[in-house]
Every structure is written in C-alpha cells, then in structure tokens.
Amino acid sequence: MSNAGGSAPSHEPKASDAVEEASFEQALEGLEAIVDRLESGDLALEAALAAFEHGVALARRCATQLEDAERRIEVLVRDGERWLTRPFEASESGGD
C-alpha cells in the first residue's frame, strides 16, 4: 500500500539516470536551482547534502558536455580564396 505510484521502486528511474540524460541547459538550470536552495539556508542537513551531491553530478555533466562540444568545434581557416575547416585544437584557444 505504500507504493501509491503503482510501480515497484526498482522500476523507478534513478536520479543519476536523469542527470546522464539531461541536456546542458537542463543540467545548468537544475544546478542553478540547487544553488538557490542551498543559499536560502532553509534545508535540513541531510537534504542539503543530498542537494549538494546532486549539484556535483550536474556540474560534472555540464563539464563533460562542454568538453565534448569543444572537441567537435571546427575552426574556419582561410586558404587563399576558399575556406577550409579543420578540427579545433586547444592551443588555438589561447588558454594553455
């Protein structure tokens, strides 16, 4: 009777699954919401710890997605009268 949703707990999606499937924008919005909740100071210690852990997972998801996007960036290079594309190299960003 405690299972009001009608499905067994083992069939419920895990929070980690939601993080792994989140788009960058969704993960960032979730992270911002967690920061707001933590900054409010209204959470009990266990709830604050759980929110912090979820925030760390979301931050890692954002970092992974940014790294993936960086690898996919192609820089346009002018070669005479035509434009060529080549893979982005981290050293070209000026941030070594």
PDB file of N, CA and C in Angstrom:
ATOM      1  N   MET A   1       0.811  -1.203   0.000  1.00  0.00           N
ATOM      2  CA  MET A   1       0.000   0.000   0.000  1.00  0.00           C
ATOM      3  C   MET A   1       0.850   1.260   0.000  1.00  0.00           C
ATOM      4  N   SER A   2       2.068   1.142   0.426  1.00  0.00           N
ATOM      5  CA  SER A   2       2.915   2.324   0.459  1.00  0.00           C
ATOM      6  C   SER A   2       3.384   2.714  -0.929  1.00  0.00           C
ATOM      7  N   ASN A   3       3.103   1.872  -1.903  1.00  0.00           N
ATOM      8  CA  ASN A   3       3.532   2.131  -3.272  1.00  0.00           C
ATOM      9  C   ASN A   3       2.385   2.749  -4.051  1.00  0.00           C
ATOM     10  N   ALA A   4       2.096   4.037  -3.791  1.00  0.00           N
ATOM     11  CA  ALA A   4       0.946   4.710  -4.381  1.00  0.00           C
ATOM     12  C   ALA A   4       1.093   4.920  -5.879  1.00  0.00           C
ATOM     13  N   GLY A   5       2.299   4.959  -6.378  1.00  0.00           N
ATOM     14  CA  GLY A   5       2.517   5.187  -7.798  1.00  0.00           C
ATOM     15  C   GLY A   5       2.181   3.998  -8.658  1.00  0.00           C
ATOM     16  N   GLY A   6       2.061   2.816  -8.071  1.00  0.00           N
ATOM     17  CA  GLY A   6       1.697   1.644  -8.827  1.00  0.00           C
ATOM     18  C   GLY A   6       2.869   0.911  -9.433  1.00  0.00           C
ATOM     19  N   SER A   7       4.076   1.394  -9.254  1.00  0.00           N
ATOM     20  CA  SER A   7       5.236   0.702  -9.798  1.00  0.00           C
ATOM     21  C   SER A   7       6.192   0.377  -8.673  1.00  0.00           C
ATOM     22  N   ALA A   8       6.909  -0.700  -8.834  1.00  0.00           N
ATOM     23  CA  ALA A   8       7.866  -1.111  -7.813  1.00  0.00           C
ATOM     24  C   ALA A   8       9.027  -0.128  -7.795  1.00  0.00           C
ATOM     25  N   PRO A   9       9.616   0.141  -6.633  1.00  0.00           N
ATOM     26  CA  PRO A   9      10.725   1.084  -6.545  1.00  0.00           C
ATOM     27  C   PRO A   9      11.885   0.732  -7.455  1.00  0.00           C
ATOM     28  N   SER A  10      12.089  -0.546  -7.740  1.00  0.00           N
ATOM     29  CA  SER A  10      13.207  -0.932  -8.583  1.00  0.00           C
ATOM     30  C   SER A  10      13.015  -0.491 -10.027  1.00  0.00           C
ATOM     31  N   HIS A  11      11.768  -0.138 -10.416  1.00  0.00           N
ATOM     32  CA  HIS A  11      11.499   0.302 -11.777  1.00  0.00           C
ATOM     33  C   HIS A  11      11.527   1.819 -11.919  1.00  0.00           C
ATOM     34  N   GLU A  12      11.697   2.532 -10.796  1.00  0.00           N
ATOM     35  CA  GLU A  12      11.721   3.984 -10.854  1.00  0.00           C
ATOM     36  C   GLU A  12      13.071   4.444 -11.388  1.00  0.00           C
ATOM     37  N   PRO A  13      13.076   5.490 -12.208  1.00  0.00           N
ATOM     38  CA  PRO A  13      14.353   5.996 -12.718  1.00  0.00           C
ATOM     39  C   PRO A  13      15.186   6.558 -11.579  1.00  0.00           C
ATOM     40  N   LYS A  14      16.464   6.329 -11.641  1.00  0.00           N
ATOM     41  CA  LYS A  14      17.368   6.844 -10.627  1.00  0.00           C
ATOM     42  C   LYS A  14      17.704   8.282 -10.959  1.00  0.00           C
ATOM     43  N   ALA A  15      18.068   9.048  -9.935  1.00  0.00           N
ATOM     44  CA  ALA A  15      18.459  10.441 -10.153  1.00  0.00           C
ATOM     45  C   ALA A  15      19.672  10.514 -11.063  1.00  0.00           C
ATOM     46  N   SER A  16      20.584   9.548 -10.942  1.00  0.00           N
ATOM     47  CA  SER A  16      21.778   9.554 -11.787  1.00  0.00           C
ATOM     48  C   SER A  16      21.415   9.348 -13.253  1.00  0.00           C
ATOM     49  N   ASP A  17      20.358   8.580 -13.528  1.00  0.00           N
ATOM     50  CA  ASP A  17      19.902   8.394 -14.906  1.00  0.00           C
ATOM     51  C   ASP A  17      19.407   9.728 -15.483  1.00  0.00           C
ATOM     52  N   ALA A  18      18.679  10.488 -14.669  1.00  0.00           N
ATOM     53  CA  ALA A  18      18.162  11.779 -15.116  1.00  0.00           C
ATOM     54  C   ALA A  18      19.308  12.740 -15.408  1.00  0.00           C
ATOM     55  N   VAL A  19      20.344  12.706 -14.588  1.00  0.00           N
ATOM     56  CA  VAL A  19      21.499  13.575 -14.803  1.00  0.00           C
ATOM     57  C   VAL A  19      22.187  13.199 -16.101  1.00  0.00           C
ATOM     58  N   GLU A  20      22.381  11.910 -16.337  1.00  0.00           N
ATOM     59  CA  GLU A  20      23.076  11.453 -17.542  1.00  0.00           C
ATOM     60  C   GLU A  20      22.305  11.765 -18.815  1.00  0.00           C
ATOM     61  N   GLU A  21      20.985  11.884 -18.727  1.00  0.00           N
ATOM     62  CA  GLU A  21      20.159  12.146 -19.899  1.00  0.00           C
ATOM     63  C   GLU A  21      19.852  13.625 -20.076  1.00  0.00           C
ATOM     64  N   ALA A  22      20.229  14.456 -19.110  1.00  0.00           N
ATOM     65  CA  ALA A  22      19.901  15.874 -19.150  1.00  0.00           C
ATOM     66  C   ALA A  22      20.700  16.592 -20.231  1.00  0.00           C
ATOM     67  N   SER A  23      20.029  17.520 -20.902  1.00  0.00           N
ATOM     68  CA  SER A  23      20.745  18.380 -21.838  1.00  0.00           C
ATOM     69  C   SER A  23      21.594  19.341 -21.018  1.00  0.00           C
ATOM     70  N   PHE A  24      22.504  20.034 -21.677  1.00  0.00           N
ATOM     71  CA  PHE A  24      23.339  21.012 -20.982  1.00  0.00           C
ATOM     72  C   PHE A  24      22.463  22.054 -20.293  1.00  0.00           C
ATOM     73  N   GLU A  25      21.456  22.547 -21.018  1.00  0.00           N
ATOM     74  CA  GLU A  25      20.581  23.585 -20.482  1.00  0.00           C
ATOM     75  C   GLU A  25      19.803  23.077 -19.272  1.00  0.00           C
ATOM     76  N   GLN A  26      19.298  21.846 -19.349  1.00  0.00           N
ATOM     77  CA  GLN A  26      18.572  21.269 -18.226  1.00  0.00           C
ATOM     78  C   GLN A  26      19.475  21.098 -17.008  1.00  0.00           C
ATOM     79  N   ALA A  27      20.686  20.606 -17.242  1.00  0.00           N
ATOM     80  CA  ALA A  27      21.628  20.405 -16.144  1.00  0.00           C
ATOM     81  C   ALA A  27      22.001  21.740 -15.510  1.00  0.00           C
ATOM     82  N   LEU A  28      22.208  22.758 -16.320  1.00  0.00           N
ATOM     83  CA  LEU A  28      22.571  24.074 -15.801  1.00  0.00           C
ATOM     84  C   LEU A  28      21.422  24.688 -15.006  1.00  0.00           C
ATOM     85  N   GLU A  29      20.200  24.551 -15.514  1.00  0.00           N
ATOM     86  CA  GLU A  29      19.031  25.055 -14.784  1.00  0.00           C
ATOM     87  C   GLU A  29      18.882  24.338 -13.443  1.00  0.00           C
ATOM     88  N   GLY A  30      19.077  23.020 -13.455  1.00  0.00           N
ATOM     89  CA  GLY A  30      18.995  22.256 -12.216  1.00  0.00           C
ATOM     90  C   GLY A  30      20.059  22.676 -11.229  1.00  0.00           C
ATOM     91  N   LEU A  31      21.252  22.910 -11.722  1.00  0.00           N
ATOM     92  CA  LEU A  31      22.355  23.352 -10.876  1.00  0.00           C
ATOM     93  C   LEU A  31      22.052  24.718 -10.265  1.00  0.00           C
ATOM     94  N   GLU A  32      21.528  25.626 -11.062  1.00  0.00           N
ATOM     95  CA  GLU A  32      21.166  26.950 -10.559  1.00  0.00           C
ATOM     96  C   GLU A  32      20.085  26.856  -9.481  1.00  0.00           C
ATOM     97  N   ALA A  33      19.110  25.975  -9.681  1.00  0.00           N
ATOM     98  CA  ALA A  33      18.048  25.800  -8.691  1.00  0.00           C
ATOM     99  C   ALA A  33      18.614  25.244  -7.379  1.00  0.00           C
ATOM    100  N   ILE A  34      19.550  24.324  -7.484  1.00  0.00           N
ATOM    101  CA  ILE A  34      20.167  23.753  -6.284  1.00  0.00           C
ATOM    102  C   ILE A  34      20.955  24.819  -5.537  1.00  0.00           C
ATOM    103  N   VAL A  35      21.694  25.634  -6.268  1.00  0.00           N
ATOM    104  CA  VAL A  35      22.457  26.716  -5.626  1.00  0.00           C
ATOM    105  C   VAL A  35      21.505  27.645  -4.885  1.00  0.00           C
ATOM    106  N   ASP A  36      20.390  28.002  -5.509  1.00  0.00           N
ATOM    107  CA  ASP A  36      19.403  28.866  -4.851  1.00  0.00           C
ATOM    108  C   ASP A  36      18.885  28.233  -3.566  1.00  0.00           C
ATOM    109  N   ARG A  37      18.570  26.929  -3.627  1.00  0.00           N
ATOM    110  CA  ARG A  37      18.056  26.233  -2.442  1.00  0.00           C
ATOM    111  C   ARG A  37      19.103  26.189  -1.336  1.00  0.00           C
ATOM    112  N   LEU A  38      20.349  25.907  -1.714  1.00  0.00           N
ATOM    113  CA  LEU A  38      21.407  25.837  -0.706  1.00  0.00           C
ATOM    114  C   LEU A  38      21.687  27.213  -0.109  1.00  0.00           C
ATOM    115  N   GLU A  39      21.664  28.247  -0.931  1.00  0.00           N
ATOM    116  CA  GLU A  39      21.922  29.595  -0.436  1.00  0.00           C
ATOM    117  C   GLU A  39      20.815  30.107   0.472  1.00  0.00           C
ATOM    118  N   SER A  40      19.605  29.566   0.319  1.00  0.00           N
ATOM    119  CA  SER A  40      18.497  30.020   1.166  1.00  0.00           C
ATOM    120  C   SER A  40      18.725  29.635   2.622  1.00  0.00           C
ATOM    121  N   GLY A  41      19.475  28.551   2.858  1.00  0.00           N
ATOM    122  CA  GLY A  41      19.757  28.116   4.219  1.00  0.00           C
ATOM    123  C   GLY A  41      18.590  27.440   4.906  1.00  0.00           C
ATOM    124  N   ASP A  42      17.543  27.134   4.173  1.00  0.00           N
ATOM    125  CA  ASP A  42      16.344  26.549   4.763  1.00  0.00           C
ATOM    126  C   ASP A  42      16.323  25.022   4.749  1.00  0.00           C
ATOM    127  N   LEU A  43      17.329  24.394   4.172  1.00  0.00           N
ATOM    128  CA  LEU A  43      17.339  22.944   4.067  1.00  0.00           C
ATOM    129  C   LEU A  43      17.940  22.315   5.323  1.00  0.00           C
ATOM    130  N   ALA A  44      17.371  21.182   5.700  1.00  0.00           N
ATOM    131  CA  ALA A  44      17.958  20.396   6.784  1.00  0.00           C
ATOM    132  C   ALA A  44      19.286  19.831   6.284  1.00  0.00           C
ATOM    133  N   LEU A  45      20.143  19.438   7.192  1.00  0.00           N
ATOM    134  CA  LEU A  45      21.477  18.983   6.828  1.00  0.00           C
ATOM    135  C   LEU A  45      21.442  17.859   5.795  1.00  0.00           C
ATOM    136  N   GLU A  46      20.654  16.825   6.009  1.00  0.00           N
ATOM    137  CA  GLU A  46      20.599  15.694   5.065  1.00  0.00           C
ATOM    138  C   GLU A  46      20.085  16.133   3.701  1.00  0.00           C
ATOM    139  N   ALA A  47      19.087  17.006   3.687  1.00  0.00           N
ATOM    140  CA  ALA A  47      18.559  17.495   2.413  1.00  0.00           C
ATOM    141  C   ALA A  47      19.596  18.361   1.710  1.00  0.00           C
ATOM    142  N   ALA A  48      20.338  19.157   2.478  1.00  0.00           N
ATOM    143  CA  ALA A  48      21.379  19.994   1.885  1.00  0.00           C
ATOM    144  C   ALA A  48      22.491  19.132   1.300  1.00  0.00           C
ATOM    145  N   LEU A  49      22.874  18.080   2.005  1.00  0.00           N
ATOM    146  CA  LEU A  49      23.907  17.174   1.494  1.00  0.00           C
ATOM    147  C   LEU A  49      23.447  16.478   0.222  1.00  0.00           C
ATOM    148  N   ALA A  50      22.209  16.020   0.205  1.00  0.00           N
ATOM    149  CA  ALA A  50      21.670  15.358  -0.987  1.00  0.00           C
ATOM    150  C   ALA A  50      21.622  16.337  -2.160  1.00  0.00           C
ATOM    151  N   ALA A  51      21.215  17.578  -1.894  1.00  0.00           N
ATOM    152  CA  ALA A  51      21.162  18.584  -2.950  1.00  0.00           C
ATOM    153  C   ALA A  51      22.574  18.879  -3.462  1.00  0.00           C
ATOM    154  N   PHE A  52      23.540  18.966  -2.546  1.00  0.00           N
ATOM    155  CA  PHE A  52      24.916  19.220  -2.944  1.00  0.00           C
ATOM    156  C   PHE A  52      25.447  18.089  -3.820  1.00  0.00           C
ATOM    157  N   GLU A  53      25.183  16.839  -3.438  1.00  0.00           N
ATOM    158  CA  GLU A  53      25.633  15.686  -4.233  1.00  0.00           C
ATOM    159  C   GLU A  53      25.013  15.718  -5.625  1.00  0.00           C
ATOM    160  N   HIS A  54      23.743  16.058  -5.689  1.00  0.00           N
ATOM    161  CA  HIS A  54      23.067  16.143  -6.989  1.00  0.00           C
ATOM    162  C   HIS A  54      23.680  17.275  -7.808  1.00  0.00           C
ATOM    163  N   GLY A  55      24.003  18.379  -7.156  1.00  0.00           N
ATOM    164  CA  GLY A  55      24.630  19.503  -7.830  1.00  0.00           C
ATOM    165  C   GLY A  55      25.991  19.146  -8.404  1.00  0.00           C
ATOM    166  N   VAL A  56      26.762  18.366  -7.653  1.00  0.00           N
ATOM    167  CA  VAL A  56      28.069  17.927  -8.148  1.00  0.00           C
ATOM    168  C   VAL A  56      27.895  17.072  -9.399  1.00  0.00           C
ATOM    169  N   ALA A  57      26.905  16.182  -9.391  1.00  0.00           N
ATOM    170  CA  ALA A  57      26.645  15.339 -10.563  1.00  0.00           C
ATOM    171  C   ALA A  57      26.240  16.202 -11.760  1.00  0.00           C
ATOM    172  N   LEU A  58      25.413  17.215 -11.523  1.00  0.00           N
ATOM    173  CA  LEU A  58      25.000  18.097 -12.609  1.00  0.00           C
ATOM    174  C   LEU A  58      26.183  18.909 -13.137  1.00  0.00           C
ATOM    175  N   ALA A  59      27.037  19.375 -12.238  1.00  0.00           N
ATOM    176  CA  ALA A  59      28.217  20.138 -12.657  1.00  0.00           C
ATOM    177  C   ALA A  59      29.142  19.267 -13.503  1.00  0.00           C
ATOM    178  N   ARG A  60      29.302  18.008 -13.112  1.00  0.00           N
ATOM    179  CA  ARG A  60      30.133  17.090 -13.900  1.00  0.00           C
ATOM    180  C   ARG A  60      29.523  16.852 -15.269  1.00  0.00           C
ATOM    181  N   ARG A  61      28.204  16.747 -15.336  1.00  0.00           N
ATOM    182  CA  ARG A  61      27.508  16.556 -16.608  1.00  0.00           C
ATOM    183  C   ARG A  61      27.753  17.759 -17.521  1.00  0.00           C
ATOM    184  N   CYS A  62      27.644  18.961 -16.961  1.00  0.00           N
ATOM    185  CA  CYS A  62      27.895  20.173 -17.758  1.00  0.00           C
ATOM    186  C   CYS A  62      29.334  20.190 -18.261  1.00  0.00           C
ATOM    187  N   ALA A  63      30.277  19.864 -17.396  1.00  0.00           N
ATOM    188  CA  ALA A  63      31.693  19.870 -17.788  1.00  0.00           C
ATOM    189  C   ALA A  63      31.948  18.866 -18.904  1.00  0.00           C
ATOM    190  N   THR A  64      31.361  17.691 -18.791  1.00  0.00           N
ATOM    191  CA  THR A  64      31.531  16.657 -19.814  1.00  0.00           C
ATOM    192  C   THR A  64      30.959  17.123 -21.148  1.00  0.00           C
ATOM    193  N   GLN A  65      29.781  17.723 -21.099  1.00  0.00           N
ATOM    194  CA  GLN A  65      29.166  18.190 -22.333  1.00  0.00           C
ATOM    195  C   GLN A  65      29.970  19.325 -22.967  1.00  0.00           C
ATOM    196  N   LEU A  66      30.532  20.207 -22.157  1.00  0.00           N
ATOM    197  CA  LEU A  66      31.372  21.280 -22.695  1.00  0.00           C
ATOM    198  C   LEU A  66      32.632  20.721 -23.332  1.00  0.00           C
ATOM    199  N   GLU A  67      33.237  19.719 -22.692  1.00  0.00           N
ATOM    200  CA  GLU A  67      34.427  19.083 -23.266  1.00  0.00           C
ATOM    201  C   GLU A  67      34.094  18.415 -24.593  1.00  0.00           C
ATOM    202  N   ASP A  68      32.947  17.743 -24.651  1.00  0.00           N
ATOM    203  CA  ASP A  68      32.524  17.103 -25.898  1.00  0.00           C
ATOM    204  C   ASP A  68      32.310  18.145 -26.995  1.00  0.00           C
ATOM    205  N   ALA A  69      31.674  19.258 -26.649  1.00  0.00           N
ATOM    206  CA  ALA A  69      31.419  20.308 -27.630  1.00  0.00           C
ATOM    207  C   ALA A  69      32.729  20.910 -28.124  1.00  0.00           C
ATOM    208  N   GLU A  70      33.668  21.109 -27.215  1.00  0.00           N
ATOM    209  CA  GLU A  70      34.964  21.672 -27.612  1.00  0.00           C
ATOM    210  C   GLU A  70      35.666  20.782 -28.625  1.00  0.00           C
ATOM    211  N   ARG A  71      35.578  19.467 -28.414  1.00  0.00           N
ATOM    212  CA  ARG A  71      36.219  18.534 -29.355  1.00  0.00           C
ATOM    213  C   ARG A  71      35.563  18.582 -30.720  1.00  0.00           C
ATOM    214  N   ARG A  72      34.307  18.980 -30.781  1.00  0.00           N
ATOM    215  CA  ARG A  72      33.598  18.982 -32.051  1.00  0.00           C
ATOM    216  C   ARG A  72      33.721  20.294 -32.814  1.00  0.00           C
ATOM    217  N   ILE A  73      34.228  21.298 -32.142  1.00  0.00           N
ATOM    218  CA  ILE A  73      34.346  22.608 -32.802  1.00  0.00           C
ATOM    219  C   ILE A  73      35.342  22.529 -33.949  1.00  0.00           C
ATOM    220  N   GLU A  74      34.936  23.094 -35.049  1.00  0.00           N
ATOM    221  CA  GLU A  74      35.869  23.207 -36.173  1.00  0.00           C
ATOM    222  C   GLU A  74      36.117  24.681 -36.410  1.00  0.00           C
ATOM    223  N   VAL A  75      37.362  25.006 -36.652  1.00  0.00           N
ATOM    224  CA  VAL A  75      37.751  26.383 -36.883  1.00  0.00           C
ATOM    225  C   VAL A  75      37.838  26.622 -38.389  1.00  0.00           C
ATOM    226  N   LEU A  76      37.212  27.670 -38.828  1.00  0.00           N
ATOM    227  CA  LEU A  76      37.307  28.030 -40.239  1.00  0.00           C
ATOM    228  C   LEU A  76      38.654  28.682 -40.490  1.00  0.00           C
ATOM    229  N   VAL A  77      39.311  28.252 -41.530  1.00  0.00           N
ATOM    230  CA  VAL A  77      40.626  28.767 -41.871  1.00  0.00           C
ATOM    231  C   VAL A  77      40.602  29.250 -43.314  1.00  0.00           C
ATOM    232  N   ARG A  78      41.094  30.437 -43.508  1.00  0.00           N
ATOM    233  CA  ARG A  78      41.125  30.990 -44.870  1.00  0.00           C
ATOM    234  C   ARG A  78      42.375  30.494 -45.573  1.00  0.00           C
ATOM    235  N   ASP A  79      42.199  29.898 -46.750  1.00  0.00           N
ATOM    236  CA  ASP A  79      43.311  29.414 -47.558  1.00  0.00           C
ATOM    237  C   ASP A  79      43.156  30.021 -48.943  1.00  0.00           C
ATOM    238  N   GLY A  80      43.782  31.178 -49.141  1.00  0.00           N
ATOM    239  CA  GLY A  80      43.627  31.848 -50.429  1.00  0.00           C
ATOM    240  C   GLY A  80      42.210  32.351 -50.596  1.00  0.00           C
ATOM    241  N   GLU A  81      41.534  31.863 -51.606  1.00  0.00           N
ATOM    242  CA  GLU A  81      40.182  32.305 -51.917  1.00  0.00           C
ATOM    243  C   GLU A  81      39.105  31.393 -51.331  1.00  0.00           C
ATOM    244  N   ARG A  82      39.494  30.374 -50.632  1.00  0.00           N
ATOM    245  CA  ARG A  82      38.475  29.442 -50.125  1.00  0.00           C
ATOM    246  C   ARG A  82      38.613  29.250 -48.617  1.00  0.00           C
ATOM    247  N   TRP A  83      37.535  28.770 -48.023  1.00  0.00           N
ATOM    248  CA  TRP A  83      37.513  28.489 -46.599  1.00  0.00           C
ATOM    249  C   TRP A  83      37.655  26.990 -46.391  1.00  0.00           C
ATOM    250  N   LEU A  84      38.500  26.609 -45.466  1.00  0.00           N
ATOM    251  CA  LEU A  84      38.682  25.209 -45.104  1.00  0.00           C
ATOM    252  C   LEU A  84      38.257  25.022 -43.657  1.00  0.00           C
ATOM    253  N   THR A  85      37.929  23.805 -43.317  1.00  0.00           N
ATOM    254  CA  THR A  85      37.653  23.506 -41.917  1.00  0.00           C
ATOM    255  C   THR A  85      38.684  22.505 -41.439  1.00  0.00           C
ATOM    256  N   ARG A  86      38.999  22.634 -40.183  1.00  0.00           N
ATOM    257  CA  ARG A  86      39.899  21.660 -39.572  1.00  0.00           C
ATOM    258  C   ARG A  86      39.504  21.533 -38.112  1.00  0.00           C
ATOM    259  N   PRO A  87      39.856  20.441 -37.480  1.00  0.00           N
ATOM    260  CA  PRO A  87      39.468  20.239 -36.076  1.00  0.00           C
ATOM    261  C   PRO A  87      40.052  21.324 -35.170  1.00  0.00           C
ATOM    262  N   PHE A  88      39.284  21.687 -34.166  1.00  0.00           N
ATOM    263  CA  PHE A  88      39.720  22.661 -33.172  1.00  0.00           C
ATOM    264  C   PHE A  88      40.853  22.068 -32.360  1.00  0.00           C
ATOM    265  N   GLU A  89      41.876  22.874 -32.098  1.00  0.00           N
ATOM    266  CA  GLU A  89      42.978  22.445 -31.242  1.00  0.00           C
ATOM    267  C   GLU A  89      42.991  23.357 -30.030  1.00  0.00           C
ATOM    268  N   ALA A  90      43.095  22.781 -28.839  1.00  0.00           N
ATOM    269  CA  ALA A  90      43.036  23.546 -27.602  1.00  0.00           C
ATOM    270  C   ALA A  90      44.052  24.670 -27.563  1.00  0.00           C
ATOM    271  N   SER A  91      45.231  24.469 -28.156  1.00  0.00           N
ATOM    272  CA  SER A  91      46.260  25.504 -28.143  1.00  0.00           C
ATOM    273  C   SER A  91      45.844  26.742 -28.915  1.00  0.00           C
ATOM    274  N   GLU A  92      44.873  26.601 -29.835  1.00  0.00           N
ATOM    275  CA  GLU A  92      44.402  27.746 -30.612  1.00  0.00           C
ATOM    276  C   GLU A  92      43.526  28.667 -29.786  1.00  0.00           C
ATOM    277  N   SER A  93      42.962  28.168 -28.693  1.00  0.00           N
ATOM    278  CA  SER A  93      42.071  28.977 -27.889  1.00  0.00           C
ATOM    279  C   SER A  93      42.827  29.981 -27.043  1.00  0.00           C
ATOM    280  N   GLY A  94      44.157  29.853 -26.953  1.00  0.00           N
ATOM    281  CA  GLY A  94      44.954  30.775 -26.179  1.00  0.00           C
ATOM    282  C   GLY A  94      44.983  30.463 -24.711  1.00  0.00           C
ATOM    283  N   GLY A  95      44.370  29.355 -24.306  1.00  0.00           N
ATOM    284  CA  GLY A  95      44.302  29.009 -22.891  1.00  0.00           C
ATOM    285  C   GLY A  95      45.063  27.769 -22.562  1.00  0.00           C
ATOM    286  N   ASP A  96      46.367  27.830 -22.555  1.00  0.00           N
ATOM    287  CA  ASP A  96      47.182  26.656 -22.222  1.00  0.00           C
ATOM    288  C   ASP A  96      47.566  26.632 -20.807  1.00  0.00           C
TER     289      ASP A  96
END
